[in-house]
Amino acid sequence: MKNLIIVSSILFSIISCKQNSESYENIDWQGHRGARGVYPENTWAAFQYALEQNMNTLEMDVVISKDGKVVLSHEPFLNHKICLDTAGNPIPEAEEKEWNIYKMNYSDLQKCDCGTIQNPDFPNQKTASSSKPLLIDIINKTKSYCGEKGIELPHMNVEVKYEEEMKGEFHPEIKEFNKLVYNVLSANYPLEKWNIQSFDFNVLKHFHENYPKVTLAALVFESGAYEQQFEDLGFTPEIYSPYFQLVDNKMLTELHEQNVKVIPWTVNEEKDAKRLIKLGIDGIITDYPELADKFRKNP
């Protein structure tokens, strides 16, 4: 009987170790805005670094220019913390919203540098002069880079930066916004290699109704009340992306029972990543892609 207990204990340990190892290996590591902690956000320098760090997914934000171009930017205007105007001058915080991307043709937007100023929130960030790129440019550079390196194309997690109160002033209405984004992605990147995410559930509803084959991620930051949120959505999304501190075992268990992946944002500390991985998280969005190595090499 004693030997049986010992053997059972050993088998349990082996199975537990195997499951723990697999949990580390199966994480969808996502470079937030490319690699915001290391290079200027939503620039090719950041995305290339993320690829060099073997990120599974490139996370990015999109807005729309006056001439209908899909531009990578977290704000629909030039953030005074990270951008210079067309003359190369700093932008006063009180004037940043006057640099409205939706009111600028892309040819003019290209004259603005959003990479030379180090983001004050990331003191170790390297600068790299860059205008705000087009989504199509990042797609083409990603395909070219992966082709040259002989590596698999990464997934792209594309956030539609829409707010109802900004409609008509800082971006078009949902139908036009979504169509512009969908057209670029569907024509230039494999459908199984990208998804749409948004904090605005109306964006997700429109995609669900009009582009039903597109994988959708519901972004949330205030509450992990996913049952009510899914009821508001009117459907169950493939991915649920809450603020990382909202994630607990109950959430993961119940959402996994519904075949919903849980990919929280934005995880920058090793201790937080470790807790989430032990819970059985599906993916991690981080500003520091090199964080993944701490788990890939030392599970």
Protein backbone atom coordinates (compact mmCIF):
# COMPACT_ATOMS: atom_id res chain seq x y z
CA MET A 1 0.00 0.00 0.00
CA LYS A 2 2.86 2.34 0.90
CA ASN A 3 4.56 1.63 -2.44
CA LEU A 4 1.29 2.32 -4.25
CA ILE A 5 1.01 5.70 -2.54
CA ILE A 6 4.59 6.56 -3.49
CA VAL A 7 4.04 5.55 -7.13
CA SER A 8 0.78 7.54 -7.26
CA SER A 9 2.56 10.56 -5.81
CA ILE A 10 5.31 10.31 -8.41
CA LEU A 11 2.80 9.98 -11.24
CA PHE A 12 0.86 12.99 -9.97
CA SER A 13 4.09 15.01 -9.82
CA ILE A 14 5.00 14.02 -13.38
CA ILE A 15 1.55 14.92 -14.69
CA SER A 16 1.57 18.22 -12.77
CA CYS A 17 5.00 19.12 -14.13
CA LYS A 18 3.91 18.25 -17.65
CA GLN A 19 0.76 20.36 -17.34
CA ASN A 20 2.74 23.25 -15.84
CA SER A 21 5.31 23.04 -18.65
CA GLU A 22 2.58 22.99 -21.29
CA SER A 23 0.88 26.00 -19.65
CA TYR A 24 4.08 27.99 -20.16
CA GLU A 25 4.58 26.80 -23.70
CA ASN A 26 1.05 27.53 -24.91
CA ILE A 27 0.90 31.18 -23.86
CA ASP A 28 -0.02 33.64 -26.62
CA TRP A 29 2.57 36.33 -25.93
CA GLN A 30 1.47 39.67 -27.38
CA GLY A 31 3.67 42.72 -27.87
CA HIS A 32 1.58 45.69 -26.67
CA ARG A 33 1.70 48.44 -29.31
CA GLY A 34 4.66 46.40 -30.53
CA ALA A 35 7.00 46.87 -27.58
CA ARG A 36 6.04 50.14 -25.93
CA GLY A 37 8.47 49.73 -23.06
CA VAL A 38 11.44 49.39 -25.41
CA TYR A 39 10.66 51.34 -28.60
CA PRO A 40 8.11 54.03 -29.58
CA GLU A 41 4.61 52.58 -29.62
CA ASN A 42 2.91 51.45 -32.82
CA THR A 43 6.07 51.94 -34.91
CA TRP A 44 7.94 49.45 -37.05
CA ALA A 45 10.91 49.59 -34.64
CA ALA A 46 8.61 48.32 -31.86
CA PHE A 47 7.03 45.61 -34.00
CA GLN A 48 10.37 44.41 -35.34
CA TYR A 49 11.69 44.14 -31.79
CA ALA A 50 8.58 42.16 -30.82
CA LEU A 51 9.23 39.78 -33.71
CA GLU A 52 12.87 39.43 -32.69
CA GLN A 53 11.64 38.46 -29.22
CA ASN A 54 9.40 35.78 -30.77
CA MET A 55 6.09 37.34 -29.84
CA ASN A 56 3.19 35.24 -31.09
CA THR A 57 1.03 38.31 -31.66
CA LEU A 58 1.54 41.97 -32.52
CA GLU A 59 -1.00 44.15 -30.69
CA MET A 60 -1.78 47.54 -32.24
CA ASP A 61 -4.28 50.42 -32.37
CA VAL A 62 -5.89 51.97 -35.44
CA VAL A 63 -7.53 55.31 -36.22
CA ILE A 64 -8.62 56.97 -39.49
CA SER A 65 -7.10 59.94 -41.34
CA LYS A 66 -9.04 62.59 -43.25
CA ASP A 67 -8.38 60.80 -46.55
CA GLY A 68 -9.61 57.45 -45.21
CA LYS A 69 -6.28 55.82 -44.43
CA VAL A 70 -6.03 53.30 -41.59
CA VAL A 71 -3.29 54.70 -39.33
CA LEU A 72 -1.62 53.13 -36.31
CA SER A 73 -2.16 55.36 -33.30
CA HIS A 74 -3.49 54.93 -29.77
CA GLU A 75 -5.12 58.37 -29.79
CA PRO A 76 -7.01 59.96 -32.71
CA PHE A 77 -4.77 63.00 -32.22
CA LEU A 78 -1.06 63.65 -31.66
CA ASN A 79 -0.18 62.85 -28.07
CA HIS A 80 1.93 65.71 -26.72
CA LYS A 81 4.07 63.27 -24.72
CA ILE A 82 5.44 61.49 -27.77
CA CYS A 83 4.86 63.60 -30.89
CA LEU A 84 6.37 66.62 -32.63
CA ASP A 85 4.33 68.77 -35.02
CA THR A 86 4.95 69.22 -38.75
CA ALA A 87 7.66 71.80 -38.03
CA GLY A 88 9.43 69.53 -35.56
CA ASN A 89 8.26 71.45 -32.51
CA PRO A 90 6.85 70.04 -29.26
CA ILE A 91 3.07 70.08 -28.98
CA PRO A 92 1.61 71.77 -25.86
CA GLU A 93 -0.74 69.49 -23.97
CA ALA A 94 -3.54 72.04 -24.27
CA GLU A 95 -3.22 71.94 -28.07
CA GLU A 96 -2.77 68.22 -28.72
CA LYS A 97 -6.38 67.60 -29.72
CA GLU A 98 -6.07 70.30 -32.36
CA TRP A 99 -3.74 67.86 -34.11
CA ASN A 100 -6.73 65.73 -35.00
CA ILE A 101 -5.70 62.83 -37.26
CA TYR A 102 -9.21 62.58 -38.70
CA LYS A 103 -8.82 66.19 -39.92
CA MET A 104 -5.39 65.57 -41.49
CA ASN A 105 -4.51 63.95 -44.81
CA TYR A 106 -1.94 61.24 -44.33
CA SER A 107 0.64 63.14 -46.40
CA ASP A 108 0.55 65.90 -43.76
CA LEU A 109 0.50 63.46 -40.85
CA GLN A 110 3.70 61.89 -42.18
CA LYS A 111 5.53 65.15 -41.46
CA CYS A 112 4.95 64.66 -37.72
CA ASP A 113 7.52 62.67 -35.74
CA CYS A 114 6.21 60.36 -33.02
CA GLY A 115 9.38 58.48 -32.20
CA THR A 116 12.11 60.99 -31.41
CA ILE A 117 10.69 61.98 -28.01
CA GLN A 118 11.18 59.35 -25.33
CA ASN A 119 7.90 58.44 -23.67
CA PRO A 120 8.24 59.78 -20.09
CA ASP A 121 6.26 56.81 -18.80
CA PHE A 122 9.00 54.46 -20.06
CA PRO A 123 12.38 55.91 -19.04
CA ASN A 124 14.37 53.08 -20.63
CA GLN A 125 12.61 53.35 -23.97
CA LYS A 126 14.91 53.81 -26.98
CA THR A 127 13.95 56.53 -29.43
CA ALA A 128 13.53 55.90 -33.15
CA SER A 129 12.35 58.70 -35.42
CA SER A 130 9.08 57.68 -37.02
CA SER A 131 5.86 59.10 -38.38
CA LYS A 132 2.67 57.25 -37.58
CA PRO A 133 2.63 54.29 -39.99
CA LEU A 134 -0.24 52.95 -42.03
CA LEU A 135 -1.66 49.55 -41.13
CA ILE A 136 -0.86 48.34 -44.65
CA ASP A 137 2.77 49.40 -44.22
CA ILE A 138 3.17 47.40 -41.01
CA ILE A 139 1.50 44.41 -42.67
CA ASN A 140 3.86 44.57 -45.64
CA LYS A 141 6.95 45.03 -43.47
CA THR A 142 5.89 42.13 -41.25
CA LYS A 143 5.39 39.85 -44.24
CA SER A 144 8.72 40.91 -45.72
CA TYR A 145 10.58 40.43 -42.43
CA CYS A 146 9.10 36.99 -41.82
CA GLY A 147 9.82 35.96 -45.39
CA GLU A 148 13.47 37.00 -45.09
CA LYS A 149 13.86 35.23 -41.74
CA GLY A 150 11.92 32.16 -42.83
CA ILE A 151 9.59 32.38 -39.85
CA GLU A 152 5.83 32.06 -39.46
CA LEU A 153 3.69 35.17 -39.73
CA PRO A 154 2.59 36.46 -36.34
CA HIS A 155 -1.01 36.99 -35.36
CA MET A 156 -2.22 40.61 -35.36
CA ASN A 157 -4.50 41.88 -32.61
CA VAL A 158 -5.98 45.11 -33.98
CA GLU A 159 -7.84 47.48 -31.68
CA VAL A 160 -10.43 49.78 -33.24
CA LYS A 161 -10.16 53.03 -31.28
CA TYR A 162 -13.78 54.14 -31.40
CA GLU A 163 -15.76 56.23 -28.93
CA GLU A 164 -19.35 57.20 -29.66
CA GLU A 165 -18.92 60.77 -28.40
CA MET A 166 -16.02 61.29 -30.81
CA LYS A 167 -17.97 60.18 -33.89
CA GLY A 168 -17.79 62.67 -36.72
CA GLU A 169 -15.12 64.72 -34.96
CA PHE A 170 -12.21 62.34 -34.37
CA HIS A 171 -13.29 59.36 -36.46
CA PRO A 172 -16.04 58.20 -38.81
CA GLU A 173 -19.13 56.32 -37.70
CA ILE A 174 -18.80 52.61 -36.94
CA LYS A 175 -19.87 51.25 -40.33
CA GLU A 176 -17.26 53.23 -42.26
CA PHE A 177 -14.53 52.79 -39.63
CA ASN A 178 -14.95 49.01 -39.49
CA LYS A 179 -15.16 48.67 -43.27
CA LEU A 180 -11.92 50.57 -43.80
CA VAL A 181 -10.10 48.38 -41.26
CA TYR A 182 -11.65 45.16 -42.54
CA ASN A 183 -10.78 45.94 -46.16
CA VAL A 184 -7.09 46.44 -45.39
CA LEU A 185 -6.79 43.32 -43.27
CA SER A 186 -8.93 40.96 -45.33
CA ALA A 187 -7.14 41.85 -48.57
CA ASN A 188 -3.62 41.68 -47.20
CA TYR A 189 -3.36 39.25 -44.28
CA PRO A 190 -4.66 35.69 -43.74
CA LEU A 191 -8.04 35.72 -41.96
CA GLU A 192 -6.88 33.17 -39.37
CA LYS A 193 -3.95 35.43 -38.48
CA TRP A 194 -5.79 38.48 -37.16
CA ASN A 195 -8.59 39.54 -34.84
CA ILE A 196 -10.39 42.73 -33.92
CA GLN A 197 -10.61 44.01 -30.36
CA SER A 198 -12.35 47.03 -28.90
CA PHE A 199 -13.57 48.54 -25.65
CA ASP A 200 -16.61 49.75 -27.57
CA PHE A 201 -19.10 46.90 -27.77
CA ASN A 202 -20.93 48.53 -30.68
CA VAL A 203 -17.80 48.03 -32.77
CA LEU A 204 -17.80 44.33 -31.89
CA LYS A 205 -21.54 44.01 -32.54
CA HIS A 206 -21.12 45.51 -36.00
CA PHE A 207 -18.24 43.20 -36.85
CA HIS A 208 -20.17 40.19 -35.54
CA GLU A 209 -23.18 41.02 -37.70
CA ASN A 210 -21.38 42.10 -40.87
CA TYR A 211 -18.11 40.15 -40.83
CA PRO A 212 -19.05 36.98 -38.91
CA LYS A 213 -15.86 35.08 -39.74
CA VAL A 214 -13.66 37.62 -37.93
CA THR A 215 -12.41 36.62 -34.48
CA LEU A 216 -13.40 39.20 -31.85
CA ALA A 217 -11.96 40.19 -28.48
CA ALA A 218 -13.92 42.12 -25.87
CA LEU A 219 -11.69 44.59 -24.02
CA VAL A 220 -12.79 45.59 -20.52
CA PHE A 221 -11.16 47.63 -17.78
CA GLU A 222 -13.67 48.39 -15.03
CA SER A 223 -15.24 45.07 -14.15
CA GLY A 224 -14.92 41.36 -14.80
CA ALA A 225 -18.71 40.98 -14.91
CA TYR A 226 -18.46 38.98 -18.12
CA GLU A 227 -21.95 37.46 -17.91
CA GLN A 228 -23.60 40.88 -18.08
CA GLN A 229 -21.06 42.06 -20.65
CA PHE A 230 -21.79 39.13 -22.95
CA GLU A 231 -25.49 39.79 -22.53
CA ASP A 232 -24.89 43.40 -23.57
CA LEU A 233 -22.89 42.18 -26.56
CA GLY A 234 -25.60 39.76 -27.61
CA PHE A 235 -23.06 37.01 -28.33
CA THR A 236 -20.10 35.26 -26.75
CA PRO A 237 -16.78 36.57 -28.10
CA GLU A 238 -13.89 34.22 -28.85
CA ILE A 239 -11.57 36.26 -26.61
CA TYR A 240 -12.10 38.16 -23.37
CA SER A 241 -9.39 40.73 -22.56
CA PRO A 242 -9.76 42.28 -19.10
CA TYR A 243 -7.36 44.41 -17.10
CA PHE A 244 -5.00 41.81 -15.64
CA GLN A 245 -5.86 42.45 -12.00
CA LEU A 246 -9.47 41.40 -12.63
CA VAL A 247 -8.48 37.84 -13.56
CA ASP A 248 -9.08 35.08 -11.01
CA ASN A 249 -9.59 31.33 -11.05
CA LYS A 250 -13.39 31.60 -11.14
CA MET A 251 -13.27 33.80 -14.24
CA LEU A 252 -10.89 31.49 -16.07
CA THR A 253 -12.78 28.34 -15.19
CA GLU A 254 -16.17 29.67 -16.25
CA LEU A 255 -14.92 31.29 -19.46
CA HIS A 256 -12.93 28.23 -20.49
CA GLU A 257 -16.11 26.19 -20.03
CA GLN A 258 -17.60 28.48 -22.71
CA ASN A 259 -14.50 28.03 -24.92
CA VAL A 260 -13.58 31.69 -24.44
CA LYS A 261 -9.88 32.52 -24.32
CA VAL A 262 -8.77 34.96 -21.63
CA ILE A 263 -5.94 37.33 -22.61
CA PRO A 264 -5.43 40.16 -20.10
CA TRP A 265 -3.64 43.47 -20.52
CA THR A 266 -1.10 44.98 -19.77
CA VAL A 267 1.23 42.68 -17.82
CA ASN A 268 4.71 44.09 -17.22
CA GLU A 269 5.84 42.48 -13.98
CA GLU A 270 7.20 38.95 -13.69
CA LYS A 271 5.21 38.23 -10.53
CA ASP A 272 1.95 39.16 -12.23
CA ALA A 273 2.73 37.06 -15.29
CA LYS A 274 3.63 34.10 -13.09
CA ARG A 275 0.34 34.30 -11.18
CA LEU A 276 -1.68 34.46 -14.36
CA ILE A 277 0.17 31.61 -16.05
CA LYS A 278 -0.31 29.39 -13.00
CA LEU A 279 -4.02 30.12 -13.17
CA GLY A 280 -4.04 28.86 -16.75
CA ILE A 281 -4.24 32.08 -18.76
CA ASP A 282 -4.36 31.83 -22.57
CA GLY A 283 -2.24 34.84 -23.42
CA ILE A 284 -0.44 37.86 -22.02
CA ILE A 285 -0.25 41.37 -23.48
CA THR A 286 2.94 43.13 -22.39
CA ASP A 287 4.95 46.28 -23.07
CA TYR A 288 8.12 44.23 -22.58
CA PRO A 289 8.34 41.27 -24.99
CA GLU A 290 11.54 40.01 -23.32
CA LEU A 291 9.38 39.14 -20.29
CA ALA A 292 8.39 35.96 -22.12
CA ASP A 293 11.94 34.61 -21.98
CA LYS A 294 11.79 34.37 -18.21
CA PHE A 295 9.07 31.77 -18.58
CA ARG A 296 10.13 30.07 -21.80
CA LYS A 297 13.58 29.33 -20.38
CA ASN A 298 12.68 28.84 -16.74
CA PRO A 299 9.16 27.42 -16.41
